[in-house]
C-alpha atoms as a PDB file:
ATOM      1  CA  UNK A   1      38.009 -13.924 -50.305  1.00  0.00           C
ATOM      2  CA  UNK A   2      34.606 -12.332 -49.734  1.00  0.00           C
ATOM      3  CA  UNK A   3      34.099 -14.567 -46.664  1.00  0.00           C
ATOM      4  CA  UNK A   4      37.627 -14.721 -45.262  1.00  0.00           C
ATOM      5  CA  UNK A   5      39.430 -11.629 -46.589  1.00  0.00           C
ATOM      6  CA  UNK A   6      38.915  -8.450 -44.617  1.00  0.00           C
ATOM      7  CA  UNK A   7      37.441  -5.658 -46.746  1.00  0.00           C
ATOM      8  CA  UNK A   8      37.805  -7.770 -49.874  1.00  0.00           C
ATOM      9  CA  UNK A   9      35.254  -8.688 -52.515  1.00  0.00           C
ATOM     10  CA  UNK A  10      35.842 -10.888 -55.556  1.00  0.00           C
ATOM     11  CA  UNK A  11      34.219 -11.722 -58.882  1.00  0.00           C
ATOM     12  CA  UNK A  12      34.925 -14.998 -60.674  1.00  0.00           C
ATOM     13  CA  UNK A  13      34.851 -15.162 -64.453  1.00  0.00           C
ATOM     14  CA  UNK A  14      35.016 -18.044 -66.916  1.00  0.00           C
ATOM     15  CA  UNK A  15      34.215 -18.857 -70.515  1.00  0.00           C
ATOM     16  CA  UNK A  16      31.096 -20.963 -70.922  1.00  0.00           C
ATOM     17  CA  UNK A  17      31.882 -24.658 -71.332  1.00  0.00           C
ATOM     18  CA  UNK A  18      28.951 -27.030 -71.984  1.00  0.00           C
ATOM     19  CA  UNK A  19      30.941 -29.992 -70.629  1.00  0.00           C
ATOM     20  CA  UNK A  20      31.960 -28.402 -67.317  1.00  0.00           C
ATOM     21  CA  UNK A  21      29.415 -25.871 -66.147  1.00  0.00           C
ATOM     22  CA  UNK A  22      30.805 -24.734 -62.843  1.00  0.00           C
ATOM     23  CA  UNK A  23      29.324 -21.848 -60.908  1.00  0.00           C
ATOM     24  CA  UNK A  24      30.866 -18.441 -61.650  1.00  0.00           C
ATOM     25  CA  UNK A  25      29.783 -14.854 -61.163  1.00  0.00           C
ATOM     26  CA  UNK A  26      30.428 -13.938 -64.781  1.00  0.00           C
ATOM     27  CA  UNK A  27      30.093 -16.582 -67.515  1.00  0.00           C
ATOM     28  CA  UNK A  28      31.148 -15.355 -70.947  1.00  0.00           C
ATOM     29  CA  UNK A  29      30.106 -16.731 -74.325  1.00  0.00           C
ATOM     30  CA  UNK A  30      33.435 -17.857 -75.891  1.00  0.00           C
ATOM     31  CA  UNK A  31      32.494 -16.112 -79.134  1.00  0.00           C
ATOM     32  CA  UNK A  32      32.581 -12.751 -77.352  1.00  0.00           C
ATOM     33  CA  UNK A  33      36.219 -13.262 -76.377  1.00  0.00           C
ATOM     34  CA  UNK A  34      37.127 -12.669 -80.018  1.00  0.00           C
ATOM     35  CA  UNK A  35      35.077  -9.476 -80.425  1.00  0.00           C
ATOM     36  CA  UNK A  36      37.226  -6.370 -80.285  1.00  0.00           C
ATOM     37  CA  UNK A  37      34.437  -4.211 -78.847  1.00  0.00           C
ATOM     38  CA  UNK A  38      33.798  -6.632 -75.973  1.00  0.00           C
ATOM     39  CA  UNK A  39      37.534  -7.033 -75.290  1.00  0.00           C
ATOM     40  CA  UNK A  40      38.062  -3.268 -75.082  1.00  0.00           C
ATOM     41  CA  UNK A  41      35.028  -2.871 -72.812  1.00  0.00           C
ATOM     42  CA  UNK A  42      36.271  -5.696 -70.587  1.00  0.00           C
ATOM     43  CA  UNK A  43      39.654  -4.035 -70.159  1.00  0.00           C
ATOM     44  CA  UNK A  44      38.008  -0.713 -69.286  1.00  0.00           C
ATOM     45  CA  UNK A  45      35.688  -2.498 -66.832  1.00  0.00           C
ATOM     46  CA  UNK A  46      38.593  -4.180 -65.036  1.00  0.00           C
ATOM     47  CA  UNK A  47      40.574  -0.955 -64.747  1.00  0.00           C
ATOM     48  CA  UNK A  48      37.609   1.019 -63.449  1.00  0.00           C
ATOM     49  CA  UNK A  49      36.144  -1.366 -60.884  1.00  0.00           C
ATOM     50  CA  UNK A  50      38.963  -3.690 -59.751  1.00  0.00           C
ATOM     51  CA  UNK A  51      42.340  -3.408 -58.059  1.00  0.00           C
ATOM     52  CA  UNK A  52      43.646  -6.974 -58.544  1.00  0.00           C
ATOM     53  CA  UNK A  53      43.438  -9.695 -61.203  1.00  0.00           C
ATOM     54  CA  UNK A  54      44.241 -13.358 -60.514  1.00  0.00           C
ATOM     55  CA  UNK A  55      44.762 -14.918 -63.952  1.00  0.00           C
ATOM     56  CA  UNK A  56      44.438 -18.688 -64.209  1.00  0.00           C
ATOM     57  CA  UNK A  57      46.418 -20.948 -66.541  1.00  0.00           C
ATOM     58  CA  UNK A  58      47.702 -18.006 -68.631  1.00  0.00           C
ATOM     59  CA  UNK A  59      44.208 -17.552 -70.072  1.00  0.00           C
ATOM     60  CA  UNK A  60      43.655 -13.911 -71.046  1.00  0.00           C
ATOM     61  CA  UNK A  61      40.946 -12.162 -69.043  1.00  0.00           C
ATOM     62  CA  UNK A  62      40.448  -9.555 -71.788  1.00  0.00           C
ATOM     63  CA  UNK A  63      39.769 -12.096 -74.531  1.00  0.00           C
ATOM     64  CA  UNK A  64      41.911 -11.823 -77.666  1.00  0.00           C
ATOM     65  CA  UNK A  65      42.585  -8.098 -77.263  1.00  0.00           C
ATOM     66  CA  UNK A  66      46.325  -8.710 -76.786  1.00  0.00           C
ATOM     67  CA  UNK A  67      46.599 -12.183 -78.322  1.00  0.00           C
ATOM     68  CA  UNK A  68      45.692 -15.758 -77.515  1.00  0.00           C
ATOM     69  CA  UNK A  69      48.117 -16.133 -74.594  1.00  0.00           C
ATOM     70  CA  UNK A  70      47.756 -14.322 -71.299  1.00  0.00           C
ATOM     71  CA  UNK A  71      51.349 -13.136 -71.021  1.00  0.00           C
ATOM     72  CA  UNK A  72      50.750 -10.415 -73.633  1.00  0.00           C
ATOM     73  CA  UNK A  73      47.985  -8.705 -71.656  1.00  0.00           C
ATOM     74  CA  UNK A  74      49.797  -8.585 -68.291  1.00  0.00           C
ATOM     75  CA  UNK A  75      51.795  -5.391 -69.028  1.00  0.00           C
ATOM     76  CA  UNK A  76      48.614  -3.720 -70.280  1.00  0.00           C
ATOM     77  CA  UNK A  77      46.695  -4.624 -67.122  1.00  0.00           C
ATOM     78  CA  UNK A  78      49.551  -3.424 -64.941  1.00  0.00           C
ATOM     79  CA  UNK A  79      49.827  -0.180 -66.916  1.00  0.00           C
ATOM     80  CA  UNK A  80      46.131   0.344 -66.147  1.00  0.00           C
ATOM     81  CA  UNK A  81      46.847   0.204 -62.422  1.00  0.00           C
ATOM     82  CA  UNK A  82      45.901  -3.433 -61.751  1.00  0.00           C
ATOM     83  CA  UNK A  83      47.965  -5.712 -59.538  1.00  0.00           C
ATOM     84  CA  UNK A  84      48.286  -9.054 -61.351  1.00  0.00           C
ATOM     85  CA  UNK A  85      49.017 -12.529 -59.960  1.00  0.00           C
ATOM     86  CA  UNK A  86      49.047 -15.902 -61.698  1.00  0.00           C
ATOM     87  CA  UNK A  87      47.650 -19.252 -60.632  1.00  0.00           C
ATOM     88  CA  UNK A  88      48.222 -22.670 -62.202  1.00  0.00           C
ATOM     89  CA  UNK A  89      45.695 -25.443 -61.912  1.00  0.00           C
ATOM     90  CA  UNK A  90      47.180 -28.597 -63.451  1.00  0.00           C
ATOM     91  CA  UNK A  91      48.004 -29.511 -67.011  1.00  0.00           C
ATOM     92  CA  UNK A  92      48.746 -25.867 -67.756  1.00  0.00           C
ATOM     93  CA  UNK A  93      52.258 -26.201 -66.232  1.00  0.00           C
ATOM     94  CA  UNK A  94      52.614 -29.968 -65.737  1.00  0.00           C
ATOM     95  CA  UNK A  95      55.455 -30.823 -68.110  1.00  0.00           C
ATOM     96  CA  UNK A  96      54.955 -34.395 -69.398  1.00  0.00           C
ATOM     97  CA  UNK A  97      58.722 -34.857 -69.703  1.00  0.00           C
ATOM     98  CA  UNK A  98      59.210 -33.880 -66.053  1.00  0.00           C
ATOM     99  CA  UNK A  99      56.313 -36.051 -64.918  1.00  0.00           C
ATOM    100  CA  UNK A 100      57.762 -39.041 -66.764  1.00  0.00           C
ATOM    101  CA  UNK A 101      61.020 -38.583 -64.856  1.00  0.00           C
ATOM    102  CA  UNK A 102      59.139 -38.446 -61.553  1.00  0.00           C
ATOM    103  CA  UNK A 103      56.627 -41.250 -62.171  1.00  0.00           C
ATOM    104  CA  UNK A 104      58.152 -43.462 -64.868  1.00  0.00           C
ATOM    105  CA  UNK A 105      55.816 -46.044 -66.338  1.00  0.00           C
ATOM    106  CA  UNK A 106      53.021 -45.073 -63.928  1.00  0.00           C
ATOM    107  CA  UNK A 107      52.765 -41.669 -65.630  1.00  0.00           C
ATOM    108  CA  UNK A 108      49.723 -41.329 -67.918  1.00  0.00           C
ATOM    109  CA  UNK A 109      52.084 -39.817 -70.497  1.00  0.00           C
ATOM    110  CA  UNK A 110      54.069 -43.049 -70.771  1.00  0.00           C
ATOM    111  CA  UNK A 111      51.676 -44.465 -73.371  1.00  0.00           C
ATOM    112  CA  UNK A 112      50.358 -41.244 -74.884  1.00  0.00           C
ATOM    113  CA  UNK A 113      50.374 -40.719 -78.632  1.00  0.00           C
ATOM    114  CA  UNK A 114      53.594 -38.931 -79.669  1.00  0.00           C
ATOM    115  CA  UNK A 115      51.802 -36.067 -81.424  1.00  0.00           C
ATOM    116  CA  UNK A 116      49.433 -35.438 -78.512  1.00  0.00           C
ATOM    117  CA  UNK A 117      52.356 -35.626 -76.102  1.00  0.00           C
ATOM    118  CA  UNK A 118      54.328 -33.068 -78.119  1.00  0.00           C
ATOM    119  CA  UNK A 119      51.379 -30.658 -78.021  1.00  0.00           C
ATOM    120  CA  UNK A 120      51.001 -31.086 -74.256  1.00  0.00           C
ATOM    121  CA  UNK A 121      54.721 -30.529 -73.766  1.00  0.00           C
ATOM    122  CA  UNK A 122      54.798 -27.396 -75.908  1.00  0.00           C
ATOM    123  CA  UNK A 123      51.763 -25.852 -74.196  1.00  0.00           C
ATOM    124  CA  UNK A 124      53.016 -26.598 -70.685  1.00  0.00           C
ATOM    125  CA  UNK A 125      56.529 -25.396 -71.531  1.00  0.00           C
ATOM    126  CA  UNK A 126      55.231 -22.062 -72.832  1.00  0.00           C
ATOM    127  CA  UNK A 127      53.030 -21.528 -69.796  1.00  0.00           C
ATOM    128  CA  UNK A 128      55.779 -22.530 -67.387  1.00  0.00           C
ATOM    129  CA  UNK A 129      58.203 -20.174 -69.089  1.00  0.00           C
ATOM    130  CA  UNK A 130      55.687 -17.345 -68.681  1.00  0.00           C
ATOM    131  CA  UNK A 131      55.171 -18.203 -65.009  1.00  0.00           C
ATOM    132  CA  UNK A 132      58.917 -18.282 -64.366  1.00  0.00           C
ATOM    133  CA  UNK A 133      59.437 -14.943 -66.135  1.00  0.00           C
ATOM    134  CA  UNK A 134      56.608 -13.222 -64.241  1.00  0.00           C
ATOM    135  CA  UNK A 135      57.884 -11.019 -61.418  1.00  0.00           C
ATOM    136  CA  UNK A 136      54.662 -10.998 -59.396  1.00  0.00           C
ATOM    137  CA  UNK A 137      52.987 -13.558 -57.110  1.00  0.00           C
ATOM    138  CA  UNK A 138      52.575 -17.060 -58.546  1.00  0.00           C
ATOM    139  CA  UNK A 139      50.206 -19.597 -57.034  1.00  0.00           C
ATOM    140  CA  UNK A 140      49.350 -23.254 -57.620  1.00  0.00           C
ATOM    141  CA  UNK A 141      46.045 -24.838 -56.637  1.00  0.00           C
ATOM    142  CA  UNK A 142      47.405 -28.307 -55.785  1.00  0.00           C
ATOM    143  CA  UNK A 143      50.603 -29.184 -53.893  1.00  0.00           C
ATOM    144  CA  UNK A 144      51.956 -31.575 -56.551  1.00  0.00           C
ATOM    145  CA  UNK A 145      52.341 -28.618 -58.938  1.00  0.00           C
ATOM    146  CA  UNK A 146      55.194 -27.359 -56.772  1.00  0.00           C
ATOM    147  CA  UNK A 147      57.213 -30.068 -58.539  1.00  0.00           C
ATOM    148  CA  UNK A 148      57.123 -27.782 -61.577  1.00  0.00           C
ATOM    149  CA  UNK A 149      57.036 -24.362 -59.911  1.00  0.00           C
ATOM    150  CA  UNK A 150      59.082 -24.858 -56.718  1.00  0.00           C
ATOM    151  CA  UNK A 151      59.000 -21.193 -55.697  1.00  0.00           C
ATOM    152  CA  UNK A 152      55.252 -20.929 -56.175  1.00  0.00           C
ATOM    153  CA  UNK A 153      52.763 -20.622 -53.317  1.00  0.00           C
ATOM    154  CA  UNK A 154      50.091 -23.231 -52.678  1.00  0.00           C
ATOM    155  CA  UNK A 155      46.623 -21.640 -52.716  1.00  0.00           C
ATOM    156  CA  UNK A 156      44.362 -24.615 -51.889  1.00  0.00           C
ATOM    157  CA  UNK A 157      41.229 -25.289 -53.898  1.00  0.00           C
ATOM    158  CA  UNK A 158      38.062 -24.333 -52.025  1.00  0.00           C
ATOM    159  CA  UNK A 159      34.930 -26.414 -51.525  1.00  0.00           C
ATOM    160  CA  UNK A 160      31.714 -25.215 -49.936  1.00  0.00           C
ATOM    161  CA  UNK A 161      31.123 -27.576 -47.035  1.00  0.00           C
ATOM    162  CA  UNK A 162      27.416 -26.784 -46.888  1.00  0.00           C
ATOM    163  CA  UNK A 163      26.986 -28.134 -50.417  1.00  0.00           C
ATOM    164  CA  UNK A 164      28.749 -31.439 -49.709  1.00  0.00           C
ATOM    165  CA  UNK A 165      26.813 -33.200 -46.978  1.00  0.00           C
ATOM    166  CA  UNK A 166      26.350 -36.881 -46.264  1.00  0.00           C
ATOM    167  CA  UNK A 167      22.922 -38.173 -47.231  1.00  0.00           C
ATOM    168  CA  UNK A 168      23.281 -41.253 -45.017  1.00  0.00           C
ATOM    169  CA  UNK A 169      25.759 -42.683 -42.476  1.00  0.00           C
ATOM    170  CA  UNK A 170      28.812 -44.493 -43.852  1.00  0.00           C
ATOM    171  CA  UNK A 171      28.152 -48.175 -44.730  1.00  0.00           C
ATOM    172  CA  UNK A 172      24.455 -47.929 -43.869  1.00  0.00           C
ATOM    173  CA  UNK A 173      23.073 -48.835 -47.297  1.00  0.00           C
ATOM    174  CA  UNK A 174      23.784 -52.562 -47.588  1.00  0.00           C
ATOM    175  CA  UNK A 175      26.482 -53.292 -50.155  1.00  0.00           C
ATOM    176  CA  UNK A 176      29.096 -50.493 -49.917  1.00  0.00           C
ATOM    177  CA  UNK A 177      29.014 -47.994 -52.784  1.00  0.00           C
ATOM    178  CA  UNK A 178      32.339 -47.168 -54.436  1.00  0.00           C
ATOM    179  CA  UNK A 179      32.204 -44.195 -56.812  1.00  0.00           C
ATOM    180  CA  UNK A 180      34.642 -43.038 -59.471  1.00  0.00           C
ATOM    181  CA  UNK A 181      33.785 -39.951 -61.525  1.00  0.00           C
ATOM    182  CA  UNK A 182      36.900 -38.874 -63.426  1.00  0.00           C
ATOM    183  CA  UNK A 183      36.998 -35.470 -65.099  1.00  0.00           C
ATOM    184  CA  UNK A 184      39.593 -36.961 -67.456  1.00  0.00           C
ATOM    185  CA  UNK A 185      39.737 -40.762 -67.385  1.00  0.00           C
ATOM    186  CA  UNK A 186      43.203 -40.982 -68.953  1.00  0.00           C
ATOM    187  CA  UNK A 187      44.812 -38.510 -66.573  1.00  0.00           C
ATOM    188  CA  UNK A 188      43.050 -40.080 -63.598  1.00  0.00           C
ATOM    189  CA  UNK A 189      44.276 -43.586 -64.497  1.00  0.00           C
ATOM    190  CA  UNK A 190      40.732 -44.947 -64.697  1.00  0.00           C
ATOM    191  CA  UNK A 191      41.623 -47.734 -67.120  1.00  0.00           C
ATOM    192  CA  UNK A 192      44.052 -49.092 -64.501  1.00  0.00           C
ATOM    193  CA  UNK A 193      41.394 -49.548 -61.833  1.00  0.00           C
ATOM    194  CA  UNK A 194      38.143 -50.217 -63.711  1.00  0.00           C
ATOM    195  CA  UNK A 195      38.696 -53.969 -64.335  1.00  0.00           C
ATOM    196  CA  UNK A 196      39.530 -54.822 -60.727  1.00  0.00           C
ATOM    197  CA  UNK A 197      36.659 -52.744 -59.328  1.00  0.00           C
ATOM    198  CA  UNK A 198      34.208 -54.282 -61.754  1.00  0.00           C
ATOM    199  CA  UNK A 199      35.420 -57.681 -60.561  1.00  0.00           C
ATOM    200  CA  UNK A 200      34.712 -56.667 -56.945  1.00  0.00           C
ATOM    201  CA  UNK A 201      31.281 -55.523 -58.045  1.00  0.00           C
ATOM    202  CA  UNK A 202      30.652 -58.881 -59.737  1.00  0.00           C
ATOM    203  CA  UNK A 203      31.602 -60.642 -56.488  1.00  0.00           C
ATOM    204  CA  UNK A 204      29.059 -58.568 -54.612  1.00  0.00           C
ATOM    205  CA  UNK A 205      31.729 -57.060 -52.369  1.00  0.00           C
ATOM    206  CA  UNK A 206      30.883 -53.511 -53.486  1.00  0.00           C
ATOM    207  CA  UNK A 207      28.630 -51.679 -55.905  1.00  0.00           C
ATOM    208  CA  UNK A 208      30.915 -49.867 -58.315  1.00  0.00           C
ATOM    209  CA  UNK A 209      29.392 -46.640 -59.638  1.00  0.00           C
ATOM    210  CA  UNK A 210      31.480 -45.437 -62.562  1.00  0.00           C
ATOM    211  CA  UNK A 211      30.322 -42.238 -64.240  1.00  0.00           C
ATOM    212  CA  UNK A 212      31.854 -39.788 -66.668  1.00  0.00           C
ATOM    213  CA  UNK A 213      30.874 -36.389 -68.088  1.00  0.00           C
ATOM    214  CA  UNK A 214      28.547 -35.864 -65.156  1.00  0.00           C
ATOM    215  CA  UNK A 215      27.226 -32.350 -64.625  1.00  0.00           C
ATOM    216  CA  UNK A 216      28.903 -30.734 -61.571  1.00  0.00           C
ATOM    217  CA  UNK A 217      25.471 -30.035 -60.092  1.00  0.00           C
ATOM    218  CA  UNK A 218      24.888 -33.797 -59.766  1.00  0.00           C
ATOM    219  CA  UNK A 219      28.107 -34.516 -57.890  1.00  0.00           C
ATOM    220  CA  UNK A 220      26.809 -33.730 -54.368  1.00  0.00           C
ATOM    221  CA  UNK A 221      24.105 -36.384 -54.778  1.00  0.00           C
ATOM    222  CA  UNK A 222      26.634 -38.946 -56.044  1.00  0.00           C
ATOM    223  CA  UNK A 223      29.104 -38.384 -53.216  1.00  0.00           C
ATOM    224  CA  UNK A 224      26.343 -37.997 -50.654  1.00  0.00           C
ATOM    225  CA  UNK A 225      25.427 -41.657 -51.092  1.00  0.00           C
ATOM    226  CA  UNK A 226      28.900 -43.079 -51.796  1.00  0.00           C
ATOM    227  CA  UNK A 227      30.903 -44.769 -49.070  1.00  0.00           C
ATOM    228  CA  UNK A 228      34.249 -44.742 -50.883  1.00  0.00           C
ATOM    229  CA  UNK A 229      35.423 -42.422 -53.669  1.00  0.00           C
ATOM    230  CA  UNK A 230      38.321 -43.396 -55.905  1.00  0.00           C
ATOM    231  CA  UNK A 231      40.202 -40.356 -57.132  1.00  0.00           C
ATOM    232  CA  UNK A 232      43.643 -40.195 -58.748  1.00  0.00           C
ATOM    233  CA  UNK A 233      45.893 -43.082 -59.784  1.00  0.00           C
ATOM    234  CA  UNK A 234      48.183 -41.613 -62.441  1.00  0.00           C
ATOM    235  CA  UNK A 235      49.278 -38.017 -61.849  1.00  0.00           C
ATOM    236  CA  UNK A 236      50.311 -38.391 -58.218  1.00  0.00           C
ATOM    237  CA  UNK A 237      48.342 -35.700 -56.449  1.00  0.00           C
ATOM    238  CA  UNK A 238      44.865 -34.754 -55.293  1.00  0.00           C
ATOM    239  CA  UNK A 239      42.514 -32.048 -56.441  1.00  0.00           C
ATOM    240  CA  UNK A 240      38.947 -30.817 -56.486  1.00  0.00           C
ATOM    241  CA  UNK A 241      37.235 -34.225 -56.669  1.00  0.00           C
ATOM    242  CA  UNK A 242      39.084 -35.558 -53.632  1.00  0.00           C
ATOM    243  CA  UNK A 243      38.331 -32.401 -51.642  1.00  0.00           C
ATOM    244  CA  UNK A 244      34.633 -32.615 -52.496  1.00  0.00           C
ATOM    245  CA  UNK A 245      34.546 -36.276 -51.522  1.00  0.00           C
ATOM    246  CA  UNK A 246      36.283 -35.576 -48.211  1.00  0.00           C
ATOM    247  CA  UNK A 247      33.848 -32.753 -47.505  1.00  0.00           C
ATOM    248  CA  UNK A 248      31.030 -35.241 -48.176  1.00  0.00           C
ATOM    249  CA  UNK A 249      32.346 -37.581 -45.484  1.00  0.00           C
ATOM    250  CA  UNK A 250      33.439 -40.289 -47.930  1.00  0.00           C
ATOM    251  CA  UNK A 251      36.541 -42.404 -47.637  1.00  0.00           C
ATOM    252  CA  UNK A 252      38.884 -41.212 -50.378  1.00  0.00           C
ATOM    253  CA  UNK A 253      41.322 -43.681 -51.913  1.00  0.00           C
ATOM    254  CA  UNK A 254      44.047 -42.606 -54.313  1.00  0.00           C
ATOM    255  CA  UNK A 255      47.738 -42.600 -55.095  1.00  0.00           C
ATOM    256  CA  UNK A 256      49.604 -39.617 -53.613  1.00  0.00           C
ATOM    257  CA  UNK A 257      53.404 -40.036 -53.551  1.00  0.00           C
ATOM    258  CA  UNK A 258      55.357 -39.594 -50.286  1.00  0.00           C
ATOM    259  CA  UNK A 259      56.960 -36.307 -51.449  1.00  0.00           C
ATOM    260  CA  UNK A 260      53.502 -34.728 -51.929  1.00  0.00           C
ATOM    261  CA  UNK A 261      52.186 -36.083 -48.629  1.00  0.00           C
ATOM    262  CA  UNK A 262      55.264 -34.700 -46.859  1.00  0.00           C
ATOM    263  CA  UNK A 263      54.678 -31.325 -48.503  1.00  0.00           C
ATOM    264  CA  UNK A 264      51.064 -31.248 -47.270  1.00  0.00           C
ATOM    265  CA  UNK A 265      52.147 -32.148 -43.741  1.00  0.00           C
ATOM    266  CA  UNK A 266      54.834 -29.479 -43.749  1.00  0.00           C
ATOM    267  CA  UNK A 267      52.500 -26.741 -44.995  1.00  0.00           C
ATOM    268  CA  UNK A 268      49.373 -27.616 -42.995  1.00  0.00           C
ATOM    269  CA  UNK A 269      50.580 -29.583 -39.999  1.00  0.00           C
ATOM    270  CA  UNK A 270      48.084 -32.294 -40.974  1.00  0.00           C
ATOM    271  CA  UNK A 271      48.516 -35.716 -42.511  1.00  0.00           C
ATOM    272  CA  UNK A 272      46.697 -36.041 -45.822  1.00  0.00           C
ATOM    273  CA  UNK A 273      43.827 -38.455 -44.979  1.00  0.00           C
ATOM    274  CA  UNK A 274      43.562 -40.024 -48.447  1.00  0.00           C
ATOM    275  CA  UNK A 275      43.987 -43.785 -48.125  1.00  0.00           C
ATOM    276  CA  UNK A 276      47.009 -44.739 -50.190  1.00  0.00           C
ATOM    277  CA  UNK A 277      46.613 -47.211 -53.036  1.00  0.00           C
ATOM    278  CA  UNK A 278      48.629 -47.578 -56.212  1.00  0.00           C
ATOM    279  CA  UNK A 279      46.497 -48.749 -59.125  1.00  0.00           C
ATOM    280  CA  UNK A 280      47.493 -52.457 -58.990  1.00  0.00           C
ATOM    281  CA  UNK A 281      46.552 -52.630 -55.297  1.00  0.00           C
ATOM    282  CA  UNK A 282      43.336 -50.615 -55.296  1.00  0.00           C
ATOM    283  CA  UNK A 283      40.964 -53.612 -55.251  1.00  0.00           C
ATOM    284  CA  UNK A 284      42.797 -55.148 -52.272  1.00  0.00           C
ATOM    285  CA  UNK A 285      42.732 -51.831 -50.408  1.00  0.00           C
ATOM    286  CA  UNK A 286      39.013 -51.347 -51.052  1.00  0.00           C
ATOM    287  CA  UNK A 287      38.240 -54.940 -50.038  1.00  0.00           C
ATOM    288  CA  UNK A 288      40.121 -54.433 -46.772  1.00  0.00           C
ATOM    289  CA  UNK A 289      38.200 -51.220 -46.039  1.00  0.00           C
ATOM    290  CA  UNK A 290      34.763 -52.783 -46.461  1.00  0.00           C
ATOM    291  CA  UNK A 291      35.451 -56.214 -44.949  1.00  0.00           C
ATOM    292  CA  UNK A 292      35.199 -56.897 -41.241  1.00  0.00           C
ATOM    293  CA  UNK A 293      34.929 -54.668 -38.203  1.00  0.00           C
ATOM    294  CA  UNK A 294      38.573 -53.597 -38.228  1.00  0.00           C
ATOM    295  CA  UNK A 295      38.529 -52.576 -41.875  1.00  0.00           C
ATOM    296  CA  UNK A 296      35.317 -50.593 -41.562  1.00  0.00           C
ATOM    297  CA  UNK A 297      36.574 -48.858 -38.440  1.00  0.00           C
ATOM    298  CA  UNK A 298      39.683 -47.788 -40.335  1.00  0.00           C
ATOM    299  CA  UNK A 299      37.419 -46.510 -43.088  1.00  0.00           C
ATOM    300  CA  UNK A 300      35.285 -44.515 -40.657  1.00  0.00           C
ATOM    301  CA  UNK A 301      38.371 -42.914 -39.139  1.00  0.00           C
ATOM    302  CA  UNK A 302      39.672 -41.995 -42.605  1.00  0.00           C
ATOM    303  CA  UNK A 303      36.301 -40.489 -43.549  1.00  0.00           C
ATOM    304  CA  UNK A 304      36.131 -38.417 -40.344  1.00  0.00           C
ATOM    305  CA  UNK A 305      39.735 -37.254 -40.775  1.00  0.00           C
ATOM    306  CA  UNK A 306      38.979 -36.354 -44.393  1.00  0.00           C
ATOM    307  CA  UNK A 307      36.014 -34.209 -43.448  1.00  0.00           C
ATOM    308  CA  UNK A 308      38.070 -32.358 -40.831  1.00  0.00           C
ATOM    309  CA  UNK A 309      40.903 -31.898 -43.334  1.00  0.00           C
ATOM    310  CA  UNK A 310      38.511 -30.410 -45.911  1.00  0.00           C
ATOM    311  CA  UNK A 311      37.081 -28.069 -43.270  1.00  0.00           C
ATOM    312  CA  UNK A 312      40.506 -26.870 -42.120  1.00  0.00           C
ATOM    313  CA  UNK A 313      42.454 -26.726 -45.384  1.00  0.00           C
ATOM    314  CA  UNK A 314      39.875 -26.355 -48.162  1.00  0.00           C
ATOM    315  CA  UNK A 315      37.137 -24.130 -46.740  1.00  0.00           C
ATOM    316  CA  UNK A 316      38.764 -20.930 -48.028  1.00  0.00           C
ATOM    317  CA  UNK A 317      40.661 -19.762 -44.957  1.00  0.00           C
ATOM    318  CA  UNK A 318      44.003 -21.206 -46.055  1.00  0.00           C
ATOM    319  CA  UNK A 319      43.491 -19.789 -49.541  1.00  0.00           C
ATOM    320  CA  UNK A 320      42.726 -16.331 -48.116  1.00  0.00           C
ATOM    321  CA  UNK A 321      45.942 -16.506 -46.081  1.00  0.00           C
ATOM    322  CA  UNK A 322      47.901 -17.485 -49.175  1.00  0.00           C
ATOM    323  CA  UNK A 323      46.543 -14.475 -51.103  1.00  0.00           C
ATOM    324  CA  UNK A 324      46.659 -11.991 -48.209  1.00  0.00           C
ATOM    325  CA  UNK A 325      50.152 -10.571 -48.779  1.00  0.00           C
ATOM    326  CA  UNK A 326      49.443  -9.923 -52.459  1.00  0.00           C
ATOM    327  CA  UNK A 327      46.096  -8.276 -51.701  1.00  0.00           C
ATOM    328  CA  UNK A 328      47.626  -6.130 -48.953  1.00  0.00           C
END
């Protein structure tokens, strides 16, 4: 918003997480979120210096001052003169039961432990109920989440194009590099693609770089040298990793159902340039992209289209437009 919203400045806040240290303006020690003195000071700070609060995933921005769930603090923030909006980012509102109906046996929840599944369902149901009851603006960061919040507004994730630059031309490093760096291997469907990609690696067709728990600061280097990035093969959407890979000029391969692709086309006027591949077919799709002149030309076109898509949809301008009415 600071770059694309007229007369608007913004401050991002998050609790410190040693596993996912993303850049934020204000990183809070989780222990402080339980301290009454800090919570009271945070609420005073918000009311004095801010006009709007965009709360993500029903996480309270004033710590435990009004309880563990964000819905309890919303009336207090509004009473203090703040305009509040909500944004969902993924598992916070993705009902496993609804996803199973949409995706069937391809859903990652199809084989999940019953107890873990019940916890996921209860958490998502509570959050979704809070979103549906909220009278203010409600946003989602990825278009597949409109399956669960149909009257929400898509506010696309934002990637900084200057941070995601190609380190070398596509297919210029000998054996093509195929990277897969899941933030959550189960939800990404990694176990469905690892064996076939490792087999391609053993053949010498590609070099399969499979990493996990990588620090976000190392991702630009990984994608900067990758030719193809494998993203999502279970949930049926695309998110931050795919956007970063597109911004890096990589070919992105993943499974995005027709209903989500149609939604993207309708809302942006652009075809989603992620090469389609369901998990059982991913090795064949990758082989076709790296083999022969025709396959590599298709890959280069997909990579160029992906970079343009990231620049037009995920550089912050579309997100600023989505938020503009609320901020006005």
